[in-house]
Amino acid sequence: MQKGQIIQSLSGFYDVKSEDKIFRTRARGNFRKQKISPLVGDWVEFEGHAKNEGYILKIESRRNELVRPPLANIDQAVVVTACVQPDFSANLLDRQLVTLEEKGISPIIYFTKGDLTPENKQAHLEQMADGYRKIGYEVYLAWQAFDSEDLASLKALFANKLTIFMGQTGAGKSTLLNHIDSRLALQTGEVSQALNRGKHTTRKVALFPVGDGLVADTPGFSSYTVFEMRLEDLKELFPEIAQIGLNCRFRECLHINEPNCAVKKALEDGQIMPSRYENYVQFFNLIKDQKPDYQRKGYSKKKGK
């Protein structure tokens, strides 16, 4: 029996890297019976055969996992966010940040297409970037395309980590990765002019060695519709709200309608970005009104999902 990490998943096959060798494997049937699917990033025990083929026998416990994109054991995520084409969306960015915070994945925000941004939009984007920096996030924003210093700084963060690239479709994830390491030669695509959304170019989930670490380029997507966290946990996933909320009069304050709320006072004083609080309230209401799992379309009581 050997141990390794899944670095690619494609059509029911899983490429497992073990001691600088790659094995093309399949999962044993008992995984299907247990409703368990191996994920890229999983550490597994497998049985290797001739011609570097084999079967996955065991999946080790995961530190975290994502459904969209389907990955496990992630250390950090580069959230690729376009300034324009498609237009910047603070709401979508915050949805992604909340998802990562809930999973214990460190976010890195990288703005693309700064060179295509009209001057009358630059001040607002600078203000937004500074706001996220003050929260404590690592943020990259430059008005020239793929600033060399930024790329070198970003690449240095990959060492000894599994890093995913995620973001709105058409934001330029694959293009950014190609500039970080041209050997990847990942397929890129243009933005649909009709929808102002990108065409999907990434068809599989795979890990690539970059900067002494592993990175994943993942299929793009345009929205997040389901929040998996509990209503009372949402406030902890906005770092600035969690910190300021310690000063609220009531310990269980949700920062919506409660009196003597330190968060709402900080909002009035300009200590919290208005868009962040607006998105917090919107997400709060979405979670409150969200249907339980068993009422969602496609849920199977027999399968438990």
Protein backbone atom coordinates (compact mmCIF):
# COMPACT_ATOMS: atom_id res chain seq x y z
CA MET A 1 0.00 0.00 0.00
CA GLN A 2 1.26 3.47 -0.91
CA LYS A 3 0.35 7.03 0.11
CA GLY A 4 -0.01 10.06 -2.11
CA GLN A 5 -2.08 13.12 -2.99
CA ILE A 6 -4.70 13.41 -5.71
CA ILE A 7 -3.53 16.08 -8.15
CA GLN A 8 -6.15 15.67 -10.88
CA SER A 9 -9.68 14.34 -11.31
CA LEU A 10 -11.13 13.63 -14.74
CA SER A 11 -14.05 11.41 -15.78
CA GLY A 12 -13.84 9.05 -12.81
CA PHE A 13 -10.06 8.72 -12.84
CA TYR A 14 -7.78 10.22 -10.20
CA ASP A 15 -4.12 11.00 -10.75
CA VAL A 16 -2.24 10.41 -7.50
CA LYS A 17 1.28 11.75 -6.97
CA SER A 18 3.48 9.62 -4.75
CA GLU A 19 7.26 10.02 -4.42
CA ASP A 20 7.58 11.89 -7.73
CA LYS A 21 5.56 9.27 -9.59
CA ILE A 22 2.01 9.75 -10.86
CA PHE A 23 -0.48 6.87 -10.79
CA ARG A 24 -3.75 6.84 -12.73
CA THR A 25 -6.24 5.38 -10.23
CA ARG A 26 -9.91 4.65 -9.72
CA ALA A 27 -11.84 4.60 -6.46
CA ARG A 28 -12.94 1.27 -5.00
CA GLY A 29 -16.66 0.54 -5.20
CA ASN A 30 -17.13 0.85 -1.45
CA PHE A 31 -16.65 4.63 -1.75
CA ARG A 32 -19.77 4.83 -3.94
CA LYS A 33 -21.72 2.77 -1.42
CA GLN A 34 -20.67 5.18 1.33
CA LYS A 35 -21.53 8.22 -0.85
CA ILE A 36 -17.90 9.39 -0.67
CA SER A 37 -16.15 10.95 -3.64
CA PRO A 38 -12.39 11.48 -3.72
CA LEU A 39 -11.41 15.12 -4.23
CA VAL A 40 -8.37 16.77 -5.73
CA GLY A 41 -6.13 17.61 -2.78
CA ASP A 42 -7.07 14.47 -0.83
CA TRP A 43 -4.30 12.47 0.77
CA VAL A 44 -5.01 8.82 0.06
CA GLU A 45 -3.76 5.30 0.53
CA PHE A 46 -3.76 3.35 -2.73
CA GLU A 47 -2.66 0.11 -4.30
CA GLY A 48 -0.30 0.68 -7.21
CA HIS A 49 0.04 -1.75 -10.10
CA ALA A 50 2.12 -2.05 -13.24
CA LYS A 51 2.00 0.78 -15.78
CA ASN A 52 1.47 3.24 -12.90
CA GLU A 53 -2.18 2.32 -12.42
CA GLY A 54 -4.03 1.46 -9.23
CA TYR A 55 -7.00 1.75 -6.89
CA ILE A 56 -7.69 4.18 -4.05
CA LEU A 57 -8.33 2.25 -0.83
CA LYS A 58 -8.61 4.98 1.81
CA ILE A 59 -9.10 8.74 1.99
CA GLU A 60 -7.45 10.42 4.97
CA SER A 61 -9.47 12.94 7.00
CA ARG A 62 -9.74 16.37 5.38
CA ARG A 63 -8.82 19.69 6.98
CA ASN A 64 -11.40 21.37 4.79
CA GLU A 65 -13.16 20.99 1.49
CA LEU A 66 -15.03 23.04 -1.09
CA VAL A 67 -17.91 21.95 -3.29
CA ARG A 68 -17.46 24.66 -5.93
CA PRO A 69 -14.64 24.15 -6.85
CA PRO A 70 -14.37 20.51 -5.60
CA LEU A 71 -11.10 20.53 -3.65
CA ALA A 72 -9.78 19.42 -0.26
CA ASN A 73 -7.01 20.35 2.17
CA ILE A 74 -6.63 23.91 0.89
CA ASP A 75 -4.29 26.35 2.64
CA GLN A 76 -5.10 29.57 0.83
CA ALA A 77 -7.12 30.96 -2.06
CA VAL A 78 -6.33 33.66 -4.59
CA VAL A 79 -9.69 35.30 -5.27
CA VAL A 80 -9.26 36.73 -8.76
CA THR A 81 -11.51 39.77 -9.11
CA ALA A 82 -11.83 41.79 -12.31
CA CYS A 83 -11.94 45.57 -12.13
CA VAL A 84 -13.95 45.57 -15.38
CA GLN A 85 -15.14 43.09 -18.02
CA PRO A 86 -16.89 41.74 -15.98
CA ASP A 87 -17.47 44.69 -13.66
CA PHE A 88 -16.22 44.52 -10.08
CA SER A 89 -18.80 43.14 -7.66
CA ALA A 90 -18.19 43.68 -3.94
CA ASN A 91 -21.14 41.40 -3.26
CA LEU A 92 -19.63 38.47 -5.15
CA LEU A 93 -16.22 39.09 -3.59
CA ASP A 94 -17.71 39.06 -0.09
CA ARG A 95 -19.62 35.85 -0.84
CA GLN A 96 -16.33 34.20 -1.72
CA LEU A 97 -14.53 35.63 1.31
CA VAL A 98 -17.27 34.40 3.65
CA THR A 99 -17.07 30.93 2.10
CA LEU A 100 -13.30 30.84 2.60
CA GLU A 101 -13.47 32.17 6.16
CA GLU A 102 -16.00 29.47 7.05
CA LYS A 103 -13.66 26.79 5.66
CA GLY A 104 -10.56 28.14 7.40
CA ILE A 105 -8.87 29.05 4.10
CA SER A 106 -6.75 32.21 3.98
CA PRO A 107 -7.93 34.58 1.21
CA ILE A 108 -5.68 36.62 -1.08
CA ILE A 109 -7.46 39.21 -3.26
CA TYR A 110 -5.99 39.88 -6.71
CA PHE A 111 -7.59 42.52 -8.95
CA THR A 112 -7.14 41.96 -12.69
CA LYS A 113 -7.69 44.14 -15.76
CA GLY A 114 -6.50 47.30 -14.03
CA ASP A 115 -5.02 48.38 -17.36
CA LEU A 116 -8.52 48.32 -18.89
CA THR A 117 -10.11 50.35 -16.09
CA PRO A 118 -11.28 53.89 -16.99
CA GLU A 119 -9.75 56.64 -14.84
CA ASN A 120 -13.16 57.61 -13.46
CA LYS A 121 -13.44 54.15 -11.83
CA GLN A 122 -9.93 53.90 -10.42
CA ALA A 123 -10.44 56.00 -7.27
CA HIS A 124 -13.40 53.85 -6.17
CA LEU A 125 -11.47 50.63 -6.73
CA GLU A 126 -8.45 51.99 -4.84
CA GLN A 127 -10.75 52.83 -1.95
CA MET A 128 -12.24 49.34 -1.99
CA ALA A 129 -8.80 47.70 -2.12
CA ASP A 130 -7.58 49.82 0.81
CA GLY A 131 -10.69 48.89 2.77
CA TYR A 132 -9.97 45.18 2.39
CA ARG A 133 -6.33 45.73 3.34
CA LYS A 134 -7.43 47.44 6.56
CA ILE A 135 -9.52 44.39 7.39
CA GLY A 136 -6.33 42.35 7.17
CA TYR A 137 -6.54 40.76 3.74
CA GLU A 138 -3.59 40.53 1.35
CA VAL A 139 -4.65 42.64 -1.66
CA TYR A 140 -3.04 43.20 -5.06
CA LEU A 141 -4.20 46.04 -7.33
CA ALA A 142 -2.16 47.67 -10.10
CA TRP A 143 -3.15 49.77 -13.12
CA GLN A 144 -0.61 48.11 -15.40
CA ALA A 145 -1.27 44.58 -16.61
CA PHE A 146 0.35 41.86 -14.49
CA ASP A 147 2.81 43.99 -12.52
CA SER A 148 6.07 42.02 -12.23
CA GLU A 149 6.66 42.92 -8.57
CA ASP A 150 3.13 41.86 -7.65
CA LEU A 151 3.53 38.57 -9.52
CA ALA A 152 6.82 37.80 -7.75
CA SER A 153 5.31 38.69 -4.37
CA LEU A 154 2.25 36.52 -5.03
CA LYS A 155 4.32 33.56 -6.25
CA ALA A 156 6.43 33.69 -3.08
CA LEU A 157 3.28 33.01 -1.05
CA PHE A 158 2.81 29.60 -2.72
CA ALA A 159 5.76 27.86 -1.04
CA ASN A 160 4.75 24.68 0.81
CA LYS A 161 1.04 25.43 0.42
CA LEU A 162 -1.91 24.25 -1.63
CA THR A 163 -3.32 27.38 -3.24
CA ILE A 164 -6.50 27.59 -5.26
CA PHE A 165 -7.39 30.21 -7.84
CA MET A 166 -11.07 31.07 -7.84
CA GLY A 167 -13.35 33.89 -8.87
CA GLN A 168 -15.96 35.14 -11.26
CA THR A 169 -16.00 33.59 -14.71
CA GLY A 170 -13.94 35.71 -17.08
CA ALA A 171 -11.96 37.43 -14.34
CA GLY A 172 -8.72 36.06 -15.75
CA LYS A 173 -7.65 33.22 -13.47
CA SER A 174 -5.96 31.17 -16.17
CA THR A 175 -4.34 34.24 -17.73
CA LEU A 176 -2.93 35.26 -14.35
CA LEU A 177 -1.51 31.78 -13.78
CA ASN A 178 0.08 31.83 -17.23
CA HIS A 179 1.87 35.06 -16.32
CA ILE A 180 3.04 33.59 -13.02
CA ASP A 181 4.41 30.48 -14.74
CA SER A 182 4.30 30.35 -18.55
CA ARG A 183 4.99 26.60 -18.56
CA LEU A 184 1.40 25.97 -17.52
CA ALA A 185 0.05 27.20 -20.89
CA LEU A 186 -3.49 27.06 -19.56
CA GLN A 187 -6.31 27.72 -22.01
CA THR A 188 -7.79 31.22 -21.76
CA GLY A 189 -11.01 32.70 -23.11
CA GLU A 190 -12.63 36.01 -23.81
CA VAL A 191 -15.66 37.54 -22.12
CA SER A 192 -19.07 37.19 -23.70
CA GLN A 193 -20.05 40.71 -24.76
CA ALA A 194 -23.74 39.89 -24.60
CA LEU A 195 -23.77 38.76 -20.97
CA ASN A 196 -20.63 40.55 -19.71
CA ARG A 197 -19.70 37.16 -18.27
CA GLY A 198 -16.75 35.01 -19.15
CA LYS A 199 -16.79 31.84 -21.16
CA HIS A 200 -15.75 28.81 -19.13
CA THR A 201 -12.31 27.63 -20.24
CA THR A 202 -11.21 25.37 -17.38
CA ARG A 203 -12.82 21.93 -17.80
CA LYS A 204 -11.16 19.95 -15.04
CA VAL A 205 -9.73 20.47 -11.57
CA ALA A 206 -6.00 19.88 -11.35
CA LEU A 207 -3.00 20.86 -9.22
CA PHE A 208 0.16 22.27 -10.77
CA PRO A 209 3.62 22.72 -9.17
CA VAL A 210 4.33 26.47 -8.95
CA GLY A 211 6.68 28.40 -6.66
CA ASP A 212 7.58 25.41 -4.46
CA GLY A 213 3.91 24.72 -3.83
CA LEU A 214 0.80 23.43 -5.60
CA VAL A 215 -1.84 25.61 -7.21
CA ALA A 216 -5.23 24.81 -8.72
CA ASP A 217 -6.93 26.50 -11.62
CA THR A 218 -10.61 25.73 -11.31
CA PRO A 219 -13.76 26.09 -13.42
CA GLY A 220 -15.09 29.64 -13.18
CA PHE A 221 -18.53 30.52 -11.89
CA SER A 222 -20.61 33.68 -11.68
CA SER A 223 -22.49 33.45 -8.40
CA TYR A 224 -22.88 31.78 -5.01
CA THR A 225 -26.47 31.07 -4.07
CA VAL A 226 -26.32 28.84 -0.98
CA PHE A 227 -24.72 29.73 2.35
CA GLU A 228 -23.80 26.68 4.41
CA MET A 229 -23.05 28.42 7.72
CA ARG A 230 -25.47 28.93 10.60
CA LEU A 231 -27.16 32.31 10.94
CA GLU A 232 -25.48 33.10 14.26
CA ASP A 233 -22.04 32.23 12.85
CA LEU A 234 -22.15 34.69 9.94
CA LYS A 235 -20.93 37.65 12.01
CA GLU A 236 -17.74 35.73 12.87
CA LEU A 237 -16.91 35.38 9.16
CA PHE A 238 -16.56 39.15 8.68
CA PRO A 239 -13.29 39.75 10.62
CA GLU A 240 -13.88 43.44 11.23
CA ILE A 241 -17.45 42.87 12.40
CA ALA A 242 -16.33 40.03 14.68
CA GLN A 243 -13.66 42.24 16.28
CA ILE A 244 -15.79 45.36 16.75
CA GLY A 245 -18.76 43.24 17.84
CA LEU A 246 -16.90 42.36 21.04
CA ASN A 247 -17.82 45.85 22.25
CA CYS A 248 -21.57 45.44 21.75
CA ARG A 249 -23.76 45.76 24.82
CA PHE A 250 -25.36 42.37 24.24
CA ARG A 251 -23.17 39.30 23.81
CA GLU A 252 -25.58 37.71 21.33
CA CYS A 253 -25.90 40.90 19.26
CA LEU A 254 -26.44 40.15 15.57
CA HIS A 255 -25.81 43.78 14.57
CA ILE A 256 -29.16 44.17 12.83
CA ASN A 257 -31.82 45.70 15.12
CA GLU A 258 -30.23 45.50 18.59
CA PRO A 259 -29.67 48.67 20.66
CA ASN A 260 -26.19 49.83 21.71
CA CYS A 261 -24.59 47.97 18.80
CA ALA A 262 -20.89 48.78 18.44
CA VAL A 263 -20.88 47.57 14.85
CA LYS A 264 -23.60 49.98 13.72
CA LYS A 265 -21.83 52.78 15.60
CA ALA A 266 -18.56 51.91 13.82
CA LEU A 267 -20.43 51.95 10.50
CA GLU A 268 -21.67 55.48 11.24
CA ASP A 269 -18.13 56.53 12.16
CA GLY A 270 -16.69 55.19 8.91
CA GLN A 271 -14.75 52.34 10.53
CA ILE A 272 -16.61 49.69 8.52
CA MET A 273 -17.01 49.73 4.74
CA PRO A 274 -20.69 50.41 3.89
CA SER A 275 -20.65 47.68 1.23
CA ARG A 276 -19.39 45.14 3.76
CA TYR A 277 -22.20 45.88 6.21
CA GLU A 278 -24.80 45.93 3.42
CA ASN A 279 -23.60 42.54 2.25
CA TYR A 280 -23.58 41.21 5.81
CA VAL A 281 -27.24 42.20 6.20
CA GLN A 282 -28.12 40.75 2.81
CA PHE A 283 -26.38 37.45 3.57
CA PHE A 284 -28.04 37.39 7.00
CA ASN A 285 -31.47 37.66 5.40
CA LEU A 286 -30.61 35.11 2.73
CA ILE A 287 -29.56 32.56 5.35
CA LYS A 288 -32.65 33.32 7.43
CA ASP A 289 -34.92 32.74 4.42
CA GLN A 290 -32.91 29.85 2.98
CA LYS A 291 -34.72 26.55 2.65
CA PRO A 292 -33.42 23.64 4.72
CA ASP A 293 -31.43 21.03 2.78
CA TYR A 294 -34.37 18.67 2.53
CA GLN A 295 -36.49 21.35 0.81
CA ARG A 296 -33.92 22.26 -1.84
CA LYS A 297 -34.33 21.15 -5.43
CA GLY A 298 -32.52 17.91 -6.13
CA TYR A 299 -32.27 16.87 -2.47
CA SER A 300 -32.61 13.13 -1.96
CA LYS A 301 -33.81 11.94 1.44
CA LYS A 302 -32.39 8.49 0.71
CA LYS A 303 -28.97 9.93 -0.10
CA GLY A 304 -29.07 12.52 2.65
CA LYS A 305 -28.13 15.34 0.30
